[in-house]
Amino acid sequence: MMIKIFIVIFYSVALWLILIYALAQLHLLISYIKAKKHSADKTTPNLNTFPRITIQLPIYNELYVIERLLNNIAKIKYPKDKLDIQVLDDSTDESVTKTASIINTLQKEGLDITHIQRKTRTGFKAGALKEGLKSAKGEFIAIFDADFLPKPDWLLQTVPYFNDENIGVVQTRWGHLNRDFSILTKVQAFALDAHFTIEQVGRNTQGHFINFNGTAGIWRKNCILDAGNWTADTLTEDLDLSYRAQLKQWKFKYLEHVETPAELPIAVSAARSQQFRWNKGAAENFRKSFFKVLSTDNISTSTKFHSFFHLLNSSMFLILFVLAVLSIPMLYIKQIEPFKGYTIGLGFFILSSIIFFMYYWYMYKTIYGNGIKNFINYIGLFFVFFTIIMGFSLHNSIAAIEGHLGKRSDFIRTPKFNIDAINSSWKNNKYLNRTFSISTIFEGILTLYFGFGLYSAFTISDKGDFSFFIFHLMLFIGFGYVFLKSIPMRNS
């Protein structure tokens, strides 16, 4: 009986935590709606003078996208005598030669661009950014990852906001070059769009902490230095420096109307590496920064509340995973006294689901518009989205646990593809991870486990019990999808 009681308690607590998180997201949605109703026009402030700008391009073995990146950056509109570009190249393969050749051509065309190579990859991306900062000529530092393609007027749209001397960072919204490539890219775009509309705007307009997203943003150099410069003690150096800067009372400006297109990972292995880094890094930053936020007197209670869920965002995967695993024992426990007719959990689950449905629908209609057709498309994508992220819940839970426990790991880059150029040959990408991880085996086991949950719905009693059936079906499909797509591919 004690085991049953503990399962019910843990299951109920997990549901309660998810409901609180849903309510926090609902509050951000309300803040977003208020901001949109009272927002001024999107007129960019006047750029009275042209301050010196440095563009930093941190790269590591980017054979497939380096030419596209550099040719795009060369199109940036800004006075040439006020702009310098640093290619922070930690590459260890033949891409170094290709990069050097392109840079040489651009230098002959009059572009102030330098090829910076370190002897050791100390500190990974954070170390490269810090090294480049030593020789950066700019008063402001724009940063783009290798798969981002800023539009020519990007600097003209962002730099003027630094007329406010208290602003340390201007961040722009990510766009998606390959949103419709596959189910995987659609799901990733769906999640990122919610972050880059509701979350960033909701937090920013209410004065809560937001984060520089690692790319497609621009820093005031003095802000970086004042906050303690880039450090590599977490896997998300961008989130780390963002919190340190805001604790120093620098203001951040988020521009929803300025879109910076980028490429989404098209292989599950690539998405896994990116998700692992983001989720583990968030947990590391919770350990590092949250209690500083909590103990700072001049930060509002509301900002502390949202910082808690901001930094613990990745831990929601762990709670979701616990909820999923316990749902099958719960299916059996609620058939017996005194747990027969257990309905509290169902009520929490339905309320959380309704909140998330509203939250993502508002994001979706903001991008695609209203209408019956769009609403029907949204319903399908909503269920596909939650099905796939459930399939990633074990992998992301491991990342969160490692982050909270302080287990260190290397910064694993996300392979880039340049899908327009390579078309159907992306499976031959030399940077793809083709190892078979232990977590993939467990994802296969979990697929069978939730298949058993589906079977149990029919056999558990004379009439069956289908209260968890849709949930278990989504888990069965989600883990099955991630398991099958994670089986290493051979070069064709």
Protein backbone atom coordinates (compact mmCIF):
# COMPACT_ATOMS: atom_id res chain seq x y z
CA MET A 1 0.00 0.00 0.00
CA MET A 2 2.85 2.42 0.80
CA ILE A 3 4.24 2.09 -2.74
CA LYS A 4 0.82 2.91 -4.16
CA ILE A 5 0.55 5.97 -1.90
CA PHE A 6 3.98 7.23 -2.99
CA ILE A 7 3.09 6.76 -6.67
CA VAL A 8 -0.13 8.74 -6.22
CA ILE A 9 1.71 11.49 -4.34
CA PHE A 10 4.50 11.82 -6.91
CA TYR A 11 2.02 11.69 -9.77
CA SER A 12 -0.15 14.38 -8.17
CA VAL A 13 2.86 16.62 -7.42
CA ALA A 14 4.04 16.32 -11.03
CA LEU A 15 0.59 17.35 -12.27
CA TRP A 16 0.52 20.26 -9.82
CA LEU A 17 3.94 21.52 -10.95
CA ILE A 18 2.93 21.33 -14.61
CA LEU A 19 -0.22 23.31 -13.79
CA ILE A 20 1.83 26.02 -12.04
CA TYR A 21 4.15 26.18 -15.05
CA ALA A 22 1.11 26.44 -17.34
CA LEU A 23 -0.21 29.33 -15.24
CA ALA A 24 3.16 31.08 -15.52
CA GLN A 25 2.96 30.71 -19.30
CA LEU A 26 -0.62 32.00 -19.22
CA HIS A 27 0.61 35.11 -17.38
CA LEU A 28 3.19 35.65 -20.13
CA LEU A 29 0.44 35.27 -22.73
CA ILE A 30 -1.64 37.94 -20.99
CA SER A 31 1.41 40.21 -20.87
CA TYR A 32 2.00 39.59 -24.58
CA ILE A 33 -1.60 40.45 -25.48
CA LYS A 34 -1.40 43.66 -23.44
CA ALA A 35 1.89 44.58 -25.10
CA LYS A 36 0.45 44.05 -28.58
CA LYS A 37 -2.59 46.19 -27.79
CA HIS A 38 -0.54 49.09 -26.48
CA SER A 39 2.57 48.78 -28.64
CA ALA A 40 3.78 51.75 -30.61
CA ASP A 41 4.50 51.44 -34.32
CA LYS A 42 7.56 49.58 -35.51
CA THR A 43 9.42 52.69 -36.63
CA THR A 44 13.11 52.28 -35.95
CA PRO A 45 14.68 55.15 -33.97
CA ASN A 46 16.87 57.54 -35.87
CA LEU A 47 20.52 56.59 -36.27
CA ASN A 48 22.13 59.97 -35.73
CA THR A 49 25.68 58.68 -35.88
CA PHE A 50 27.24 55.43 -37.05
CA PRO A 51 29.08 53.83 -34.11
CA ARG A 52 31.83 51.34 -34.76
CA ILE A 53 30.44 47.78 -35.07
CA THR A 54 32.20 44.42 -34.87
CA ILE A 55 30.44 41.36 -36.26
CA GLN A 56 31.63 38.10 -34.67
CA LEU A 57 31.06 34.81 -36.49
CA PRO A 58 32.00 31.88 -34.20
CA ILE A 59 32.42 28.76 -36.36
CA TYR A 60 33.59 25.19 -35.92
CA ASN A 61 33.84 22.78 -38.87
CA GLU A 62 31.19 24.48 -41.01
CA LEU A 63 32.10 23.05 -44.40
CA TYR A 64 28.54 23.13 -45.75
CA VAL A 65 27.48 26.64 -44.72
CA ILE A 66 30.59 28.80 -44.46
CA GLU A 67 30.39 30.15 -48.01
CA ARG A 68 26.71 31.02 -47.63
CA LEU A 69 27.40 32.70 -44.28
CA LEU A 70 30.30 34.88 -45.41
CA ASN A 71 28.69 35.91 -48.69
CA ASN A 72 25.56 36.93 -46.80
CA ILE A 73 27.45 38.90 -44.15
CA ALA A 74 29.30 40.75 -46.93
CA LYS A 75 25.92 42.20 -48.01
CA ILE A 76 25.33 43.95 -44.68
CA LYS A 77 24.61 47.65 -45.25
CA TYR A 78 26.77 49.80 -43.01
CA PRO A 79 29.63 52.28 -43.60
CA LYS A 80 32.68 50.15 -44.35
CA ASP A 81 34.95 52.36 -42.27
CA LYS A 82 32.74 51.68 -39.24
CA LEU A 83 32.47 47.91 -39.63
CA ASP A 84 34.85 45.04 -39.00
CA ILE A 85 34.12 41.31 -39.14
CA GLN A 86 35.80 38.58 -37.10
CA VAL A 87 35.58 34.98 -38.25
CA LEU A 88 36.32 33.12 -35.00
CA ASP A 89 37.38 29.82 -36.52
CA ASP A 90 38.01 26.87 -34.19
CA SER A 91 37.74 24.40 -37.07
CA THR A 92 39.90 21.29 -37.27
CA ASP A 93 39.05 20.05 -40.77
CA GLU A 94 39.35 21.09 -44.42
CA SER A 95 36.80 23.87 -43.94
CA VAL A 96 39.66 26.04 -42.64
CA THR A 97 41.18 26.27 -46.12
CA LYS A 98 37.82 27.06 -47.69
CA THR A 99 37.13 29.74 -45.10
CA ALA A 100 40.55 31.34 -45.61
CA SER A 101 40.03 31.47 -49.36
CA ILE A 102 36.64 33.19 -49.08
CA ILE A 103 37.98 35.67 -46.53
CA ASN A 104 40.90 36.49 -48.83
CA THR A 105 38.46 37.28 -51.66
CA LEU A 106 36.32 39.50 -49.43
CA GLN A 107 39.38 41.35 -48.16
CA LYS A 108 40.34 42.18 -51.74
CA GLU A 109 36.85 43.60 -52.21
CA GLY A 110 37.53 46.07 -49.41
CA LEU A 111 35.84 44.33 -46.48
CA ASP A 112 37.54 44.62 -43.07
CA ILE A 113 37.37 40.92 -42.21
CA THR A 114 39.87 38.87 -40.22
CA HIS A 115 40.35 35.13 -39.79
CA ILE A 116 41.05 34.42 -36.11
CA GLN A 117 42.22 30.91 -35.20
CA ARG A 118 43.13 29.69 -31.74
CA LYS A 119 45.66 26.99 -31.01
CA THR A 120 43.29 25.25 -28.59
CA ARG A 121 39.50 25.27 -28.39
CA THR A 122 39.51 26.31 -24.73
CA GLY A 123 36.09 27.40 -23.56
CA PHE A 124 34.48 26.38 -26.88
CA LYS A 125 32.16 29.12 -28.23
CA ALA A 126 32.44 31.27 -25.11
CA GLY A 127 36.23 31.09 -25.33
CA ALA A 128 36.19 32.08 -29.00
CA LEU A 129 33.93 35.08 -28.35
CA LYS A 130 36.12 36.18 -25.45
CA GLU A 131 39.27 35.85 -27.53
CA GLY A 132 37.76 37.86 -30.36
CA LEU A 133 36.67 40.59 -27.99
CA LYS A 134 40.33 41.36 -27.21
CA SER A 135 40.89 42.71 -30.73
CA ALA A 136 37.34 43.83 -31.57
CA LYS A 137 37.31 47.40 -32.81
CA GLY A 138 33.60 47.95 -32.30
CA GLU A 139 31.71 49.71 -29.58
CA PHE A 140 28.97 47.17 -30.27
CA ILE A 141 29.35 43.44 -30.98
CA ALA A 142 26.88 41.64 -33.27
CA ILE A 143 26.98 37.83 -33.15
CA PHE A 144 25.73 35.32 -35.73
CA ASP A 145 26.03 31.55 -35.71
CA ALA A 146 27.02 29.85 -38.96
CA ASP A 147 23.47 29.01 -40.06
CA PHE A 148 22.02 32.51 -39.61
CA LEU A 149 21.44 34.87 -42.53
CA PRO A 150 20.75 38.43 -41.35
CA LYS A 151 19.12 40.74 -43.87
CA PRO A 152 21.23 43.56 -45.37
CA ASP A 153 19.57 46.25 -43.24
CA TRP A 154 19.94 44.26 -39.99
CA LEU A 155 22.38 46.69 -38.34
CA LEU A 156 20.34 49.70 -39.44
CA GLN A 157 17.29 48.17 -37.70
CA THR A 158 19.03 47.25 -34.44
CA VAL A 159 21.84 49.71 -33.68
CA PRO A 160 19.56 52.77 -33.23
CA TYR A 161 18.03 51.26 -30.09
CA PHE A 162 21.34 51.80 -28.34
CA ASN A 163 20.52 55.52 -28.26
CA ASP A 164 19.32 54.52 -24.78
CA GLU A 165 22.62 54.21 -22.92
CA ASN A 166 21.11 51.75 -20.42
CA ILE A 167 20.47 49.13 -23.11
CA GLY A 168 23.14 46.46 -23.16
CA VAL A 169 21.62 44.01 -25.67
CA VAL A 170 19.26 44.09 -28.64
CA GLN A 171 17.92 40.64 -29.58
CA THR A 172 15.96 39.82 -32.75
CA ARG A 173 13.47 37.08 -33.53
CA TRP A 174 14.66 33.90 -35.22
CA GLY A 175 13.10 32.95 -38.54
CA HIS A 176 13.23 29.49 -40.12
CA LEU A 177 14.61 28.84 -43.58
CA ASN A 178 13.41 25.23 -43.64
CA ARG A 179 10.32 25.29 -41.43
CA ASP A 180 8.34 22.97 -43.74
CA PHE A 181 11.12 20.49 -44.53
CA SER A 182 9.78 17.73 -42.24
CA ILE A 183 7.69 16.97 -39.17
CA LEU A 184 10.81 17.50 -37.07
CA THR A 185 11.48 21.00 -38.42
CA LYS A 186 7.80 21.97 -38.08
CA VAL A 187 7.84 20.90 -34.43
CA GLN A 188 11.06 22.80 -33.71
CA ALA A 189 9.72 25.93 -35.41
CA PHE A 190 6.49 25.62 -33.41
CA ALA A 191 8.40 25.58 -30.11
CA LEU A 192 10.81 28.37 -31.07
CA ASP A 193 8.04 30.60 -32.38
CA ALA A 194 6.34 30.47 -28.97
CA HIS A 195 9.59 31.50 -27.30
CA PHE A 196 10.33 34.27 -29.76
CA THR A 197 6.85 35.76 -29.64
CA ILE A 198 5.02 35.24 -26.36
CA GLU A 199 7.88 34.49 -23.97
CA GLN A 200 10.40 37.09 -25.08
CA VAL A 201 7.84 39.87 -25.58
CA GLY A 202 5.89 38.94 -22.44
CA ARG A 203 8.97 39.04 -20.25
CA ASN A 204 10.63 42.05 -21.90
CA THR A 205 7.61 44.37 -21.81
CA GLN A 206 7.01 43.58 -18.12
CA GLY A 207 10.63 44.27 -17.18
CA HIS A 208 11.44 40.63 -16.41
CA PHE A 209 14.76 39.01 -17.28
CA ILE A 210 15.08 37.74 -20.84
CA ASN A 211 18.03 36.14 -22.56
CA PHE A 212 20.30 36.84 -25.46
CA ASN A 213 19.75 33.76 -27.61
CA GLY A 214 23.37 33.14 -28.55
CA THR A 215 23.01 34.63 -32.02
CA ALA A 216 21.05 37.20 -34.05
CA GLY A 217 21.64 39.85 -31.41
CA ILE A 218 24.00 42.70 -30.66
CA TRP A 219 25.78 43.63 -27.42
CA ARG A 220 27.19 46.85 -26.11
CA LYS A 221 30.84 45.93 -25.57
CA ASN A 222 30.93 47.71 -22.20
CA CYS A 223 27.97 45.59 -21.07
CA ILE A 224 29.86 42.37 -21.81
CA LEU A 225 32.90 43.57 -19.87
CA ASP A 226 30.89 45.02 -16.98
CA ALA A 227 29.01 41.74 -16.56
CA GLY A 228 32.25 39.76 -16.33
CA ASN A 229 32.84 38.76 -19.96
CA TRP A 230 32.07 35.41 -21.57
CA THR A 231 32.62 32.32 -19.40
CA ALA A 232 32.46 28.63 -20.27
CA ASP A 233 31.33 27.18 -16.95
CA THR A 234 27.88 26.43 -18.41
CA LEU A 235 26.84 25.05 -21.80
CA THR A 236 24.62 28.08 -22.45
CA GLU A 237 27.06 30.94 -22.16
CA ASP A 238 24.45 33.26 -23.69
CA LEU A 239 21.92 32.69 -20.88
CA ASP A 240 24.68 32.98 -18.28
CA LEU A 241 25.97 36.36 -19.50
CA SER A 242 22.39 37.60 -19.97
CA TYR A 243 21.56 37.05 -16.32
CA ARG A 244 24.84 38.49 -15.08
CA ALA A 245 24.27 41.61 -17.21
CA GLN A 246 20.69 42.09 -16.00
CA LEU A 247 21.80 41.60 -12.40
CA LYS A 248 24.10 44.55 -13.13
CA GLN A 249 20.91 46.41 -14.16
CA TRP A 250 21.59 46.55 -17.88
CA LYS A 251 18.39 46.67 -19.94
CA PHE A 252 17.65 44.30 -22.82
CA LYS A 253 15.57 45.20 -25.86
CA TYR A 254 13.74 42.51 -27.79
CA LEU A 255 12.61 43.22 -31.39
CA GLU A 256 9.86 40.85 -32.46
CA HIS A 257 9.44 42.65 -35.79
CA VAL A 258 13.08 42.11 -36.86
CA GLU A 259 13.41 38.55 -38.16
CA THR A 260 16.74 36.82 -38.66
CA PRO A 261 16.36 33.63 -40.73
CA ALA A 262 18.24 30.46 -39.78
CA GLU A 263 18.31 26.77 -40.51
CA LEU A 264 16.67 24.24 -38.20
CA PRO A 265 18.34 20.85 -37.58
CA ILE A 266 16.87 18.31 -40.01
CA ALA A 267 18.23 15.13 -38.40
CA VAL A 268 17.06 13.84 -35.01
CA SER A 269 20.68 13.32 -33.95
CA ALA A 270 21.40 17.01 -34.66
CA ALA A 271 18.27 18.11 -32.81
CA ARG A 272 19.21 15.85 -29.89
CA SER A 273 22.65 17.46 -29.50
CA GLN A 274 21.14 20.94 -29.63
CA GLN A 275 18.35 20.07 -27.16
CA PHE A 276 20.83 18.44 -24.78
CA ARG A 277 23.04 21.52 -24.74
CA TRP A 278 20.16 23.93 -24.25
CA ASN A 279 18.46 21.91 -21.52
CA LYS A 280 21.57 21.05 -19.59
CA GLY A 281 22.83 24.63 -19.87
CA ALA A 282 19.56 26.01 -18.50
CA ALA A 283 19.80 23.73 -15.46
CA GLU A 284 23.44 24.77 -14.95
CA ASN A 285 22.39 28.41 -15.03
CA PHE A 286 19.67 27.77 -12.47
CA ARG A 287 22.37 26.51 -10.09
CA LYS A 288 24.60 29.45 -10.92
CA SER A 289 22.22 32.40 -11.09
CA PHE A 290 18.79 31.87 -9.57
CA PHE A 291 19.74 32.35 -5.93
CA LYS A 292 21.53 35.56 -6.86
CA VAL A 293 18.27 36.73 -8.46
CA LEU A 294 16.30 35.59 -5.43
CA SER A 295 18.54 37.45 -2.98
CA THR A 296 18.72 40.73 -4.92
CA ASP A 297 16.49 43.32 -3.23
CA ASN A 298 15.81 45.57 -6.22
CA ILE A 299 14.27 42.76 -8.30
CA SER A 300 10.48 42.45 -8.11
CA THR A 301 8.73 39.33 -6.83
CA SER A 302 7.10 38.90 -10.24
CA THR A 303 10.48 38.97 -11.99
CA LYS A 304 11.87 36.44 -9.52
CA PHE A 305 8.85 34.19 -10.15
CA HIS A 306 9.33 34.28 -13.92
CA SER A 307 13.11 33.87 -13.61
CA PHE A 308 12.46 30.69 -11.62
CA PHE A 309 10.45 29.16 -14.46
CA HIS A 310 12.72 30.66 -17.13
CA LEU A 311 15.79 28.95 -15.69
CA LEU A 312 13.89 25.78 -14.77
CA ASN A 313 12.23 25.51 -18.18
CA SER A 314 14.24 22.43 -19.11
CA SER A 315 13.29 20.70 -15.87
CA MET A 316 9.68 20.56 -17.07
CA PHE A 317 10.84 17.69 -19.30
CA LEU A 318 11.86 15.78 -16.16
CA ILE A 319 8.46 16.39 -14.57
CA LEU A 320 6.71 15.37 -17.79
CA PHE A 321 8.79 12.20 -17.93
CA VAL A 322 7.94 11.29 -14.33
CA LEU A 323 4.27 11.93 -15.07
CA ALA A 324 4.42 9.71 -18.14
CA VAL A 325 6.17 6.79 -16.45
CA LEU A 326 3.84 6.85 -13.43
CA SER A 327 0.70 7.08 -15.55
CA ILE A 328 0.63 3.32 -16.24
CA PRO A 329 0.86 2.30 -12.55
CA MET A 330 -1.79 4.97 -11.91
CA LEU A 331 -4.05 3.29 -14.45
CA TYR A 332 -4.03 0.17 -12.24
CA ILE A 333 -4.00 1.93 -8.86
CA LYS A 334 -7.15 3.89 -9.57
CA GLN A 335 -9.06 0.65 -10.10
CA ILE A 336 -8.78 -0.23 -6.41
CA GLU A 337 -9.93 1.27 -3.11
CA PRO A 338 -9.23 3.84 -1.69
CA PHE A 339 -8.03 5.35 -4.98
CA LYS A 340 -11.00 4.29 -7.08
CA GLY A 341 -12.43 7.27 -8.96
CA TYR A 342 -9.27 9.37 -8.57
CA THR A 343 -10.21 12.54 -10.47
CA ILE A 344 -7.97 15.31 -9.09
CA GLY A 345 -5.18 14.38 -11.47
CA LEU A 346 -7.51 14.34 -14.45
CA GLY A 347 -8.80 17.82 -13.57
CA PHE A 348 -5.26 19.24 -13.30
CA PHE A 349 -4.27 17.58 -16.56
CA ILE A 350 -7.29 18.96 -18.46
CA LEU A 351 -6.80 22.49 -17.09
CA SER A 352 -3.08 22.51 -18.00
CA SER A 353 -3.90 21.18 -21.48
CA ILE A 354 -6.46 23.92 -22.07
CA ILE A 355 -3.98 26.61 -21.03
CA PHE A 356 -1.28 25.25 -23.32
CA PHE A 357 -3.78 24.95 -26.16
CA MET A 358 -4.73 28.62 -25.79
CA TYR A 359 -1.12 29.69 -25.37
CA TYR A 360 0.15 28.05 -28.55
CA TRP A 361 -2.96 28.96 -30.56
CA TYR A 362 -2.39 32.66 -29.90
CA MET A 363 1.20 32.27 -31.11
CA TYR A 364 0.09 30.33 -34.16
CA LYS A 365 -2.61 32.77 -35.24
CA THR A 366 -0.21 35.70 -34.73
CA ILE A 367 2.06 34.16 -37.37
CA TYR A 368 -0.44 32.51 -39.72
CA GLY A 369 -3.69 34.39 -39.03
CA ASN A 370 -7.18 33.34 -37.95
CA GLY A 371 -9.60 31.19 -39.93
CA ILE A 372 -11.08 27.70 -39.80
CA LYS A 373 -8.40 26.20 -42.06
CA ASN A 374 -5.58 27.60 -39.93
CA PHE A 375 -7.31 26.46 -36.74
CA ILE A 376 -7.66 22.91 -38.06
CA ASN A 377 -4.01 22.90 -39.14
CA TYR A 378 -3.10 24.20 -35.69
CA ILE A 379 -4.95 21.41 -33.88
CA GLY A 380 -3.03 18.80 -35.85
CA LEU A 381 0.33 20.51 -35.28
CA PHE A 382 -0.42 21.01 -31.57
CA PHE A 383 -0.88 17.26 -31.02
CA VAL A 384 2.11 16.39 -33.21
CA PHE A 385 4.25 18.90 -31.28
CA PHE A 386 3.41 17.45 -27.87
CA THR A 387 3.77 13.91 -29.18
CA ILE A 388 7.32 14.55 -30.40
CA ILE A 389 8.47 16.52 -27.36
CA MET A 390 7.20 13.69 -25.15
CA GLY A 391 9.46 11.42 -27.17
CA PHE A 392 12.41 13.67 -26.31
CA SER A 393 11.51 13.80 -22.60
CA LEU A 394 13.95 11.06 -21.47
CA HIS A 395 16.86 12.58 -23.39
CA ASN A 396 16.11 16.09 -22.12
CA SER A 397 15.53 14.84 -18.57
CA ILE A 398 19.02 13.35 -18.52
CA ALA A 399 20.37 16.72 -19.67
CA ALA A 400 18.51 18.58 -16.92
CA ILE A 401 19.62 16.12 -14.22
CA GLU A 402 23.26 16.41 -15.29
CA GLY A 403 22.97 20.19 -15.23
CA HIS A 404 21.50 20.28 -11.72
CA LEU A 405 24.12 17.81 -10.46
CA GLY A 406 26.96 19.87 -11.93
CA LYS A 407 28.28 17.15 -14.23
CA ARG A 408 30.51 18.81 -16.82
CA SER A 409 30.49 17.96 -20.51
CA ASP A 410 31.89 19.37 -23.74
CA PHE A 411 30.07 21.84 -25.96
CA ILE A 412 28.80 19.68 -28.83
CA ARG A 413 28.04 21.75 -31.91
CA THR A 414 24.88 21.22 -33.92
CA PRO A 415 25.67 20.01 -37.46
CA LYS A 416 24.57 22.46 -40.19
CA PHE A 417 23.33 21.29 -43.57
CA ASN A 418 22.56 24.11 -46.06
CA ILE A 419 19.64 22.03 -47.26
CA ASP A 420 18.94 24.14 -50.36
CA ALA A 421 22.41 23.43 -51.69
CA ILE A 422 22.68 19.74 -50.86
CA ASN A 423 19.05 18.75 -51.54
CA SER A 424 18.56 15.04 -50.78
CA SER A 425 22.19 14.29 -49.92
CA TRP A 426 21.98 15.58 -46.34
CA LYS A 427 22.33 12.06 -44.90
CA ASN A 428 25.94 12.09 -46.11
CA ASN A 429 26.78 15.04 -43.85
CA LYS A 430 30.17 14.18 -42.38
CA TYR A 431 29.35 15.88 -39.06
CA LEU A 432 26.30 13.77 -38.23
CA ASN A 433 26.57 11.72 -35.05
CA ARG A 434 26.22 8.06 -36.06
CA THR A 435 26.81 6.47 -32.66
CA PHE A 436 24.11 4.48 -30.91
CA SER A 437 23.52 5.96 -27.46
CA ILE A 438 22.29 4.10 -24.40
CA SER A 439 19.38 6.54 -24.07
CA THR A 440 18.16 5.45 -27.51
CA ILE A 441 17.88 1.86 -26.24
CA PHE A 442 15.77 3.06 -23.33
CA GLU A 443 13.60 5.08 -25.72
CA GLY A 444 12.90 1.82 -27.54
CA ILE A 445 12.01 0.15 -24.24
CA LEU A 446 9.71 3.04 -23.37
CA THR A 447 7.97 2.64 -26.72
CA LEU A 448 7.09 -0.93 -25.70
CA TYR A 449 6.17 0.24 -22.19
CA PHE A 450 3.58 2.70 -23.47
CA GLY A 451 2.40 0.12 -25.97
CA PHE A 452 1.63 -1.99 -22.91
CA GLY A 453 -0.26 1.01 -21.51
CA LEU A 454 -2.44 1.03 -24.64
CA TYR A 455 -3.07 -2.70 -24.26
CA SER A 456 -3.94 -2.25 -20.59
CA ALA A 457 -6.71 0.20 -21.44
CA PHE A 458 -8.65 -2.67 -23.06
CA THR A 459 -7.86 -5.40 -20.53
CA ILE A 460 -7.73 -3.72 -17.12
CA SER A 461 -11.43 -4.36 -16.38
CA ASP A 462 -14.54 -5.72 -18.00
CA LYS A 463 -15.31 -2.33 -19.53
CA GLY A 464 -11.71 -1.18 -19.88
CA ASP A 465 -10.34 2.20 -18.80
CA PHE A 466 -9.50 4.66 -21.55
CA SER A 467 -8.82 7.73 -19.36
CA PHE A 468 -5.09 7.63 -20.27
CA PHE A 469 -5.47 6.22 -23.76
CA ILE A 470 -4.76 9.38 -25.80
CA PHE A 471 -1.86 10.28 -23.48
CA HIS A 472 -0.34 6.81 -23.84
CA LEU A 473 -0.90 6.82 -27.60
CA MET A 474 1.02 10.10 -27.91
CA LEU A 475 3.83 8.70 -25.74
CA PHE A 476 3.94 5.47 -27.76
CA ILE A 477 4.19 7.38 -31.05
CA GLY A 478 6.58 10.01 -29.67
CA PHE A 479 9.11 7.58 -28.19
CA GLY A 480 8.77 5.34 -31.21
CA TYR A 481 9.49 8.23 -33.55
CA VAL A 482 12.55 9.40 -31.62
CA PHE A 483 13.83 5.82 -31.24
CA LEU A 484 13.52 4.96 -34.95
CA LYS A 485 14.92 8.29 -36.11
CA SER A 486 17.87 7.99 -33.72
CA ILE A 487 19.10 4.71 -35.16
CA PRO A 488 22.42 5.61 -36.79
CA MET A 489 22.31 6.06 -40.55
CA ARG A 490 24.96 4.71 -42.87
CA ASN A 491 26.46 6.84 -45.59
CA SER A 492 24.80 6.02 -48.88
